[in-house]
Amino acid sequence: MALSSAIVSIDPSQSIPTVPLWLSTAIRNLKVDYPDDNCEEVICKGDTGASEWRIKCSDCPGKIYVTGPGETLGMKFI
């Protein structure tokens, strides 16, 4: 799936979902560990069509990291 088709566009009439605390903590930790990198949380459509939180890093064009225990973000730091 191409990056541009994966990111969910938010309808302005709908409320913007609140970033989960665990994800905002993870982003904050990434910014402390890697201050020169720009990581942000994004909402993508998952395989089931449901919206899911991901992390996008400006140093990795075209890649979005899956969030959660044992997912791709952990592999980035091995």
PDB file of N, CA and C in Angstrom:
ATOM      1  N   MET A   1       0.851  -1.166   0.000  1.00  0.00           N
ATOM      2  CA  MET A   1       0.000   0.000   0.000  1.00  0.00           C
ATOM      3  C   MET A   1       0.899   1.231   0.000  1.00  0.00           C
ATOM      4  N   ALA A   2       0.636   2.173  -0.852  1.00  0.00           N
ATOM      5  CA  ALA A   2       1.417   3.403  -0.920  1.00  0.00           C
ATOM      6  C   ALA A   2       1.124   4.279   0.289  1.00  0.00           C
ATOM      7  N   LEU A   3       2.132   5.017   0.693  1.00  0.00           N
ATOM      8  CA  LEU A   3       1.998   5.883   1.860  1.00  0.00           C
ATOM      9  C   LEU A   3       0.851   6.859   1.693  1.00  0.00           C
ATOM     10  N   SER A   4       0.739   7.481   0.532  1.00  0.00           N
ATOM     11  CA  SER A   4      -0.290   8.492   0.339  1.00  0.00           C
ATOM     12  C   SER A   4      -1.698   7.923   0.470  1.00  0.00           C
ATOM     13  N   SER A   5      -1.892   6.659   0.126  1.00  0.00           N
ATOM     14  CA  SER A   5      -3.230   6.082   0.228  1.00  0.00           C
ATOM     15  C   SER A   5      -3.509   5.523   1.619  1.00  0.00           C
ATOM     16  N   ALA A   6      -2.458   5.398   2.437  1.00  0.00           N
ATOM     17  CA  ALA A   6      -2.632   4.798   3.755  1.00  0.00           C
ATOM     18  C   ALA A   6      -3.076   5.799   4.806  1.00  0.00           C
ATOM     19  N   ILE A   7      -2.694   7.052   4.658  1.00  0.00           N
ATOM     20  CA  ILE A   7      -3.028   8.046   5.672  1.00  0.00           C
ATOM     21  C   ILE A   7      -4.493   8.440   5.536  1.00  0.00           C
ATOM     22  N   VAL A   8      -5.186   8.438   6.640  1.00  0.00           N
ATOM     23  CA  VAL A   8      -6.608   8.744   6.661  1.00  0.00           C
ATOM     24  C   VAL A   8      -6.798  10.254   6.685  1.00  0.00           C
ATOM     25  N   SER A   9      -7.638  10.763   5.816  1.00  0.00           N
ATOM     26  CA  SER A   9      -7.954  12.186   5.887  1.00  0.00           C
ATOM     27  C   SER A   9      -9.103  12.365   6.871  1.00  0.00           C
ATOM     28  N   ILE A  10      -8.986  13.385   7.687  1.00  0.00           N
ATOM     29  CA  ILE A  10      -9.994  13.655   8.716  1.00  0.00           C
ATOM     30  C   ILE A  10     -11.004  14.661   8.180  1.00  0.00           C
ATOM     31  N   ASP A  11     -12.258  14.312   8.274  1.00  0.00           N
ATOM     32  CA  ASP A  11     -13.335  15.226   7.896  1.00  0.00           C
ATOM     33  C   ASP A  11     -13.371  16.353   8.921  1.00  0.00           C
ATOM     34  N   PRO A  12     -13.268  17.625   8.468  1.00  0.00           N
ATOM     35  CA  PRO A  12     -13.251  18.746   9.424  1.00  0.00           C
ATOM     36  C   PRO A  12     -14.476  18.816  10.328  1.00  0.00           C
ATOM     37  N   SER A  13     -15.583  18.228   9.895  1.00  0.00           N
ATOM     38  CA  SER A  13     -16.782  18.263  10.731  1.00  0.00           C
ATOM     39  C   SER A  13     -16.715  17.236  11.861  1.00  0.00           C
ATOM     40  N   GLN A  14     -15.779  16.279  11.771  1.00  0.00           N
ATOM     41  CA  GLN A  14     -15.614  15.276  12.815  1.00  0.00           C
ATOM     42  C   GLN A  14     -14.542  15.736  13.792  1.00  0.00           C
ATOM     43  N   SER A  15     -14.644  15.257  15.019  1.00  0.00           N
ATOM     44  CA  SER A  15     -13.613  15.603  15.989  1.00  0.00           C
ATOM     45  C   SER A  15     -12.341  14.819  15.680  1.00  0.00           C
ATOM     46  N   ILE A  16     -11.206  15.449  15.942  1.00  0.00           N
ATOM     47  CA  ILE A  16      -9.925  14.794  15.722  1.00  0.00           C
ATOM     48  C   ILE A  16      -9.677  13.854  16.884  1.00  0.00           C
ATOM     49  N   PRO A  17      -9.327  12.596  16.609  1.00  0.00           N
ATOM     50  CA  PRO A  17      -9.096  11.636  17.684  1.00  0.00           C
ATOM     51  C   PRO A  17      -7.938  12.078  18.582  1.00  0.00           C
ATOM     52  N   THR A  18      -8.065  11.797  19.850  1.00  0.00           N
ATOM     53  CA  THR A  18      -7.016  12.102  20.802  1.00  0.00           C
ATOM     54  C   THR A  18      -5.929  11.036  20.708  1.00  0.00           C
ATOM     55  N   VAL A  19      -4.681  11.493  20.676  1.00  0.00           N
ATOM     56  CA  VAL A  19      -3.557  10.554  20.626  1.00  0.00           C
ATOM     57  C   VAL A  19      -3.509   9.800  21.950  1.00  0.00           C
ATOM     58  N   PRO A  20      -3.424   8.470  21.908  1.00  0.00           N
ATOM     59  CA  PRO A  20      -3.351   7.693  23.153  1.00  0.00           C
ATOM     60  C   PRO A  20      -2.111   8.086  23.965  1.00  0.00           C
ATOM     61  N   LEU A  21      -2.235   8.027  25.281  1.00  0.00           N
ATOM     62  CA  LEU A  21      -1.144   8.411  26.165  1.00  0.00           C
ATOM     63  C   LEU A  21       0.112   7.589  25.890  1.00  0.00           C
ATOM     64  N   TRP A  22      -0.030   6.275  25.674  1.00  0.00           N
ATOM     65  CA  TRP A  22       1.146   5.431  25.427  1.00  0.00           C
ATOM     66  C   TRP A  22       1.889   5.861  24.170  1.00  0.00           C
ATOM     67  N   LEU A  23       1.140   6.361  23.158  1.00  0.00           N
ATOM     68  CA  LEU A  23       1.774   6.778  21.914  1.00  0.00           C
ATOM     69  C   LEU A  23       2.448   8.132  22.074  1.00  0.00           C
ATOM     70  N   SER A  24       1.803   9.063  22.756  1.00  0.00           N
ATOM     71  CA  SER A  24       2.443  10.366  22.973  1.00  0.00           C
ATOM     72  C   SER A  24       3.698  10.213  23.828  1.00  0.00           C
ATOM     73  N   THR A  25       3.688   9.260  24.780  1.00  0.00           N
ATOM     74  CA  THR A  25       4.880   8.976  25.586  1.00  0.00           C
ATOM     75  C   THR A  25       5.984   8.401  24.702  1.00  0.00           C
ATOM     76  N   ALA A  26       5.635   7.491  23.800  1.00  0.00           N
ATOM     77  CA  ALA A  26       6.619   6.897  22.892  1.00  0.00           C
ATOM     78  C   ALA A  26       7.236   7.956  21.982  1.00  0.00           C
ATOM     79  N   ILE A  27       6.420   8.860  21.455  1.00  0.00           N
ATOM     80  CA  ILE A  27       6.922   9.940  20.594  1.00  0.00           C
ATOM     81  C   ILE A  27       7.860  10.841  21.393  1.00  0.00           C
ATOM     82  N   ARG A  28       7.474  11.190  22.603  1.00  0.00           N
ATOM     83  CA  ARG A  28       8.311  12.028  23.458  1.00  0.00           C
ATOM     84  C   ARG A  28       9.659  11.346  23.724  1.00  0.00           C
ATOM     85  N   ASN A  29       9.641  10.050  24.003  1.00  0.00           N
ATOM     86  CA  ASN A  29      10.883   9.303  24.229  1.00  0.00           C
ATOM     87  C   ASN A  29      11.749   9.259  22.975  1.00  0.00           C
ATOM     88  N   LEU A  30      11.136   9.094  21.813  1.00  0.00           N
ATOM     89  CA  LEU A  30      11.892   9.116  20.567  1.00  0.00           C
ATOM     90  C   LEU A  30      12.583  10.462  20.362  1.00  0.00           C
ATOM     91  N   LYS A  31      11.877  11.543  20.688  1.00  0.00           N
ATOM     92  CA  LYS A  31      12.445  12.884  20.518  1.00  0.00           C
ATOM     93  C   LYS A  31      13.596  13.136  21.484  1.00  0.00           C
ATOM     94  N   VAL A  32      13.546  12.522  22.667  1.00  0.00           N
ATOM     95  CA  VAL A  32      14.644  12.637  23.626  1.00  0.00           C
ATOM     96  C   VAL A  32      15.849  11.837  23.128  1.00  0.00           C
ATOM     97  N   ASP A  33      15.606  10.600  22.676  1.00  0.00           N
ATOM     98  CA  ASP A  33      16.685   9.725  22.224  1.00  0.00           C
ATOM     99  C   ASP A  33      17.265  10.154  20.879  1.00  0.00           C
ATOM    100  N   TYR A  34      16.439  10.729  20.023  1.00  0.00           N
ATOM    101  CA  TYR A  34      16.846  11.124  18.673  1.00  0.00           C
ATOM    102  C   TYR A  34      16.388  12.558  18.394  1.00  0.00           C
ATOM    103  N   PRO A  35      17.043  13.553  19.024  1.00  0.00           N
ATOM    104  CA  PRO A  35      16.563  14.942  18.922  1.00  0.00           C
ATOM    105  C   PRO A  35      16.627  15.532  17.505  1.00  0.00           C
ATOM    106  N   ASP A  36      17.449  14.971  16.632  1.00  0.00           N
ATOM    107  CA  ASP A  36      17.560  15.495  15.269  1.00  0.00           C
ATOM    108  C   ASP A  36      16.554  14.878  14.310  1.00  0.00           C
ATOM    109  N   ASP A  37      15.833  13.866  14.772  1.00  0.00           N
ATOM    110  CA  ASP A  37      14.831  13.207  13.932  1.00  0.00           C
ATOM    111  C   ASP A  37      13.454  13.801  14.201  1.00  0.00           C
ATOM    112  N   ASN A  38      12.616  13.768  13.200  1.00  0.00           N
ATOM    113  CA  ASN A  38      11.260  14.297  13.343  1.00  0.00           C
ATOM    114  C   ASN A  38      10.262  13.153  13.183  1.00  0.00           C
ATOM    115  N   CYS A  39       9.740  12.671  14.308  1.00  0.00           N
ATOM    116  CA  CYS A  39       8.738  11.607  14.303  1.00  0.00           C
ATOM    117  C   CYS A  39       7.400  12.178  14.730  1.00  0.00           C
ATOM    118  N   GLU A  40       6.346  11.677  14.119  1.00  0.00           N
ATOM    119  CA  GLU A  40       5.010  12.136  14.478  1.00  0.00           C
ATOM    120  C   GLU A  40       4.028  10.985  14.384  1.00  0.00           C
ATOM    121  N   GLU A  41       2.935  11.110  15.106  1.00  0.00           N
ATOM    122  CA  GLU A  41       1.890  10.101  15.053  1.00  0.00           C
ATOM    123  C   GLU A  41       0.942  10.427  13.905  1.00  0.00           C
ATOM    124  N   VAL A  42       0.500   9.381  13.230  1.00  0.00           N
ATOM    125  CA  VAL A  42      -0.461   9.524  12.139  1.00  0.00           C
ATOM    126  C   VAL A  42      -1.510   8.423  12.279  1.00  0.00           C
ATOM    127  N   ILE A  43      -2.660   8.646  11.676  1.00  0.00           N
ATOM    128  CA  ILE A  43      -3.716   7.633  11.660  1.00  0.00           C
ATOM    129  C   ILE A  43      -3.752   7.040  10.261  1.00  0.00           C
ATOM    130  N   CYS A  44      -3.707   5.718  10.193  1.00  0.00           N
ATOM    131  CA  CYS A  44      -3.756   5.001   8.913  1.00  0.00           C
ATOM    132  C   CYS A  44      -4.898   3.999   8.935  1.00  0.00           C
ATOM    133  N   LYS A  45      -5.315   3.610   7.757  1.00  0.00           N
ATOM    134  CA  LYS A  45      -6.305   2.531   7.657  1.00  0.00           C
ATOM    135  C   LYS A  45      -5.576   1.209   7.737  1.00  0.00           C
ATOM    136  N   GLY A  46      -6.006   0.357   8.651  1.00  0.00           N
ATOM    137  CA  GLY A  46      -5.415  -0.970   8.796  1.00  0.00           C
ATOM    138  C   GLY A  46      -5.975  -1.938   7.767  1.00  0.00           C
ATOM    139  N   ASP A  47      -5.534  -3.174   7.839  1.00  0.00           N
ATOM    140  CA  ASP A  47      -5.990  -4.205   6.904  1.00  0.00           C
ATOM    141  C   ASP A  47      -7.492  -4.429   6.979  1.00  0.00           C
ATOM    142  N   THR A  48      -8.077  -4.187   8.152  1.00  0.00           N
ATOM    143  CA  THR A  48      -9.508  -4.396   8.324  1.00  0.00           C
ATOM    144  C   THR A  48     -10.326  -3.171   7.934  1.00  0.00           C
ATOM    145  N   GLY A  49      -9.635  -2.076   7.578  1.00  0.00           N
ATOM    146  CA  GLY A  49     -10.324  -0.838   7.232  1.00  0.00           C
ATOM    147  C   GLY A  49     -10.503   0.093   8.408  1.00  0.00           C
ATOM    148  N   ALA A  50     -10.173  -0.395   9.611  1.00  0.00           N
ATOM    149  CA  ALA A  50     -10.275   0.438  10.802  1.00  0.00           C
ATOM    150  C   ALA A  50      -9.071   1.375  10.879  1.00  0.00           C
ATOM    151  N   SER A  51      -9.256   2.542  11.479  1.00  0.00           N
ATOM    152  CA  SER A  51      -8.163   3.484  11.670  1.00  0.00           C
ATOM    153  C   SER A  51      -7.251   3.002  12.784  1.00  0.00           C
ATOM    154  N   GLU A  52      -5.943   3.088  12.551  1.00  0.00           N
ATOM    155  CA  GLU A  52      -4.955   2.642  13.523  1.00  0.00           C
ATOM    156  C   GLU A  52      -3.850   3.689  13.628  1.00  0.00           C
ATOM    157  N   TRP A  53      -3.278   3.837  14.813  1.00  0.00           N
ATOM    158  CA  TRP A  53      -2.183   4.772  15.032  1.00  0.00           C
ATOM    159  C   TRP A  53      -0.876   4.188  14.522  1.00  0.00           C
ATOM    160  N   ARG A  54      -0.067   5.026  13.876  1.00  0.00           N
ATOM    161  CA  ARG A  54       1.250   4.670  13.377  1.00  0.00           C
ATOM    162  C   ARG A  54       2.216   5.811  13.697  1.00  0.00           C
ATOM    163  N   ILE A  55       3.511   5.553  13.497  1.00  0.00           N
ATOM    164  CA  ILE A  55       4.524   6.589  13.659  1.00  0.00           C
ATOM    165  C   ILE A  55       5.206   6.788  12.317  1.00  0.00           C
ATOM    166  N   LYS A  56       5.322   8.056  11.928  1.00  0.00           N
ATOM    167  CA  LYS A  56       5.962   8.432  10.675  1.00  0.00           C
ATOM    168  C   LYS A  56       7.225   9.214  11.020  1.00  0.00           C
ATOM    169  N   CYS A  57       8.341   8.851  10.401  1.00  0.00           N
ATOM    170  CA  CYS A  57       9.616   9.523  10.636  1.00  0.00           C
ATOM    171  C   CYS A  57      10.050  10.199   9.345  1.00  0.00           C
ATOM    172  N   SER A  58      10.430  11.470   9.433  1.00  0.00           N
ATOM    173  CA  SER A  58      10.823  12.202   8.228  1.00  0.00           C
ATOM    174  C   SER A  58      12.125  11.677   7.633  1.00  0.00           C
ATOM    175  N   ASP A  59      12.920  10.940   8.410  1.00  0.00           N
ATOM    176  CA  ASP A  59      14.173  10.372   7.908  1.00  0.00           C
ATOM    177  C   ASP A  59      13.962   9.084   7.131  1.00  0.00           C
ATOM    178  N   CYS A  60      12.743   8.581   7.124  1.00  0.00           N
ATOM    179  CA  CYS A  60      12.430   7.312   6.453  1.00  0.00           C
ATOM    180  C   CYS A  60      11.303   7.543   5.450  1.00  0.00           C
ATOM    181  N   PRO A  61      11.581   8.225   4.337  1.00  0.00           N
ATOM    182  CA  PRO A  61      10.520   8.543   3.385  1.00  0.00           C
ATOM    183  C   PRO A  61       9.768   7.296   2.919  1.00  0.00           C
ATOM    184  N   GLY A  62       8.455   7.404   2.914  1.00  0.00           N
ATOM    185  CA  GLY A  62       7.621   6.312   2.441  1.00  0.00           C
ATOM    186  C   GLY A  62       7.370   5.207   3.445  1.00  0.00           C
ATOM    187  N   LYS A  63       7.885   5.348   4.674  1.00  0.00           N
ATOM    188  CA  LYS A  63       7.691   4.296   5.679  1.00  0.00           C
ATOM    189  C   LYS A  63       6.843   4.817   6.834  1.00  0.00           C
ATOM    190  N   ILE A  64       5.978   3.940   7.298  1.00  0.00           N
ATOM    191  CA  ILE A  64       5.179   4.216   8.491  1.00  0.00           C
ATOM    192  C   ILE A  64       5.372   3.011   9.401  1.00  0.00           C
ATOM    193  N   TYR A  65       5.704   3.272  10.661  1.00  0.00           N
ATOM    194  CA  TYR A  65       5.996   2.199  11.611  1.00  0.00           C
ATOM    195  C   TYR A  65       4.752   1.816  12.397  1.00  0.00           C
ATOM    196  N   VAL A  66       4.520   0.510  12.492  1.00  0.00           N
ATOM    197  CA  VAL A  66       3.407  -0.039  13.246  1.00  0.00           C
ATOM    198  C   VAL A  66       3.701   0.160  14.730  1.00  0.00           C
ATOM    199  N   THR A  67       2.711   0.567  15.478  1.00  0.00           N
ATOM    200  CA  THR A  67       2.882   0.801  16.905  1.00  0.00           C
ATOM    201  C   THR A  67       2.363  -0.379  17.704  1.00  0.00           C
ATOM    202  N   GLY A  68       2.868  -0.512  18.905  1.00  0.00           N
ATOM    203  CA  GLY A  68       2.411  -1.565  19.796  1.00  0.00           C
ATOM    204  C   GLY A  68       3.526  -2.530  20.134  1.00  0.00           C
ATOM    205  N   PRO A  69       3.334  -3.343  21.159  1.00  0.00           N
ATOM    206  CA  PRO A  69       4.363  -4.281  21.611  1.00  0.00           C
ATOM    207  C   PRO A  69       4.785  -5.258  20.502  1.00  0.00           C
ATOM    208  N   GLY A  70       6.092  -5.377  20.294  1.00  0.00           N
ATOM    209  CA  GLY A  70       6.617  -6.324  19.328  1.00  0.00           C
ATOM    210  C   GLY A  70       6.426  -5.925  17.879  1.00  0.00           C
ATOM    211  N   GLU A  71       6.053  -4.706  17.611  1.00  0.00           N
ATOM    212  CA  GLU A  71       5.805  -4.289  16.231  1.00  0.00           C
ATOM    213  C   GLU A  71       7.056  -3.648  15.617  1.00  0.00           C
ATOM    214  N   THR A  72       6.917  -3.106  14.413  1.00  0.00           N
ATOM    215  CA  THR A  72       8.057  -2.663  13.619  1.00  0.00           C
ATOM    216  C   THR A  72       8.881  -1.559  14.256  1.00  0.00           C
ATOM    217  N   LEU A  73       8.302  -0.719  15.063  1.00  0.00           N
ATOM    218  CA  LEU A  73       9.066   0.371  15.652  1.00  0.00           C
ATOM    219  C   LEU A  73      10.208  -0.162  16.509  1.00  0.00           C
ATOM    220  N   GLY A  74       9.970  -1.231  17.243  1.00  0.00           N
ATOM    221  CA  GLY A  74      11.021  -1.829  18.055  1.00  0.00           C
ATOM    222  C   GLY A  74      12.171  -2.345  17.211  1.00  0.00           C
ATOM    223  N   MET A  75      11.872  -2.828  16.023  1.00  0.00           N
ATOM    224  CA  MET A  75      12.910  -3.361  15.154  1.00  0.00           C
ATOM    225  C   MET A  75      13.851  -2.262  14.670  1.00  0.00           C
ATOM    226  N   LYS A  76      13.386  -1.033  14.619  1.00  0.00           N
ATOM    227  CA  LYS A  76      14.197   0.076  14.150  1.00  0.00           C
ATOM    228  C   LYS A  76      15.416   0.291  15.055  1.00  0.00           C
ATOM    229  N   PHE A  77      15.303  -0.061  16.311  1.00  0.00           N
ATOM    230  CA  PHE A  77      16.345   0.266  17.279  1.00  0.00           C
ATOM    231  C   PHE A  77      17.236  -0.914  17.639  1.00  0.00           C
ATOM    232  N   ILE A  78      17.047  -2.049  16.976  1.00  0.00           N
ATOM    233  CA  ILE A  78      17.880  -3.221  17.268  1.00  0.00           C
ATOM    234  C   ILE A  78      19.205  -3.096  16.542  1.00  0.00           C
TER     235      ILE A  78
END
